[in-house]
Amino acid sequence: MMKESLTMKEIHQIRLKNYERTRNMTREEKIKYINAKGEQAKRRIDELKR
């Protein structure tokens, strides 16, 4: 059995965290959640460009 790389371990942790946050959400709630996170990321990128 191959040992999991640190990068893959981090990806799995992120996916698990996202699953835990969204598992009980309705489809509409998930869409709102994802859009809100996207807006936060967009604002952060714009701040870093300045």
Protein backbone atom coordinates (compact mmCIF):
# COMPACT_ATOMS: atom_id res chain seq x y z
CA MET A 1 0.00 0.00 0.00
CA MET A 2 1.32 3.43 -0.97
CA LYS A 3 1.77 6.16 1.60
CA GLU A 4 -0.46 9.18 1.06
CA SER A 5 1.46 12.34 0.16
CA LEU A 6 1.08 15.45 2.27
CA THR A 7 -0.63 17.23 -0.62
CA MET A 8 -3.23 14.49 -1.02
CA LYS A 9 -3.77 14.40 2.74
CA GLU A 10 -4.41 18.15 2.73
CA ILE A 11 -6.86 17.83 -0.19
CA HIS A 12 -8.75 15.09 1.64
CA GLN A 13 -8.94 17.23 4.79
CA ILE A 14 -10.31 20.19 2.81
CA ARG A 15 -12.91 18.00 1.09
CA LEU A 16 -13.98 16.47 4.39
CA LYS A 17 -14.31 19.91 5.98
CA ASN A 18 -16.42 21.14 3.05
CA TYR A 19 -18.58 18.02 3.22
CA GLU A 20 -19.16 18.49 6.95
CA ARG A 21 -20.18 22.12 6.42
CA THR A 22 -22.60 21.40 3.57
CA ARG A 23 -23.96 17.90 4.16
CA ASN A 24 -27.25 18.99 5.70
CA MET A 25 -27.84 21.91 3.34
CA THR A 26 -30.53 21.99 0.70
CA ARG A 27 -29.50 22.52 -2.91
CA GLU A 28 -30.45 26.20 -2.66
CA GLU A 29 -28.45 26.65 0.56
CA LYS A 30 -25.39 25.03 -1.05
CA ILE A 31 -25.66 27.34 -4.06
CA LYS A 32 -25.85 30.40 -1.78
CA TYR A 33 -22.93 29.11 0.31
CA ILE A 34 -20.74 28.49 -2.73
CA ASN A 35 -21.61 31.86 -4.29
CA ALA A 36 -20.83 33.66 -1.03
CA LYS A 37 -17.45 31.92 -0.76
CA GLY A 38 -16.75 32.81 -4.39
CA GLU A 39 -17.52 36.47 -3.71
CA GLN A 40 -15.19 36.42 -0.69
CA ALA A 41 -12.42 34.94 -2.82
CA LYS A 42 -13.00 37.50 -5.57
CA ARG A 43 -12.78 40.39 -3.07
CA ARG A 44 -9.60 38.92 -1.57
CA ILE A 45 -7.99 38.59 -5.01
CA ASP A 46 -8.94 42.19 -5.85
CA GLU A 47 -7.37 43.36 -2.56
CA LEU A 48 -4.15 41.52 -3.34
CA LYS A 49 -3.96 43.10 -6.80
CA ARG A 50 -3.76 46.61 -5.28
